Amino acid sequence: EVQLVESGGGLVQAGESLRLSCAASGFAFDDYAIGWFRQAPGKKREGVSCISAAGIIYYADSVMGRFTISRNNANNTVYVRMISLKLEDTAVYYCAARGRYCAGARGISSYEYEYWGQGIQVTVSS
């Protein structure tokens, strides 16, 4: 059974930090790109970051310099370290997996992601 399980979300104040984890099982993790997406209330889902199977990394402009994605193939987990959190980072965050390469010209498209996690809430308060 394929599973992607997000953890590490919660309620923080603006300027604080969180680290999200995405633990994967049931597929050949090493061969997949892992993306992070988020959806705020009333807004469309947007790509946040992606790390390819080879470790090539992409970020949305809105998180560049504040978010850091990494992967540990030994434990089938992808992390995103989020610092200097802003109110506008409040959203449900999802991780997802697709074959080898991140999608789209900027690497943060949600095109053809095969597997998705259930999502985790991140709330940034003032």
Foldseek 3Di string as FASTA:
>chain_A
DWAWAKDWADEEAAQAKIKIKIAIDDDQLLFKKKWKWWDDPPGDIWTAKIAFSVGDIFGDPVQPPFWDWDDDSVRRMIMIIGGRDDQVVWTWMKMFIDGGAADDPRRRDPPHTDDIHPTDTHGYHD
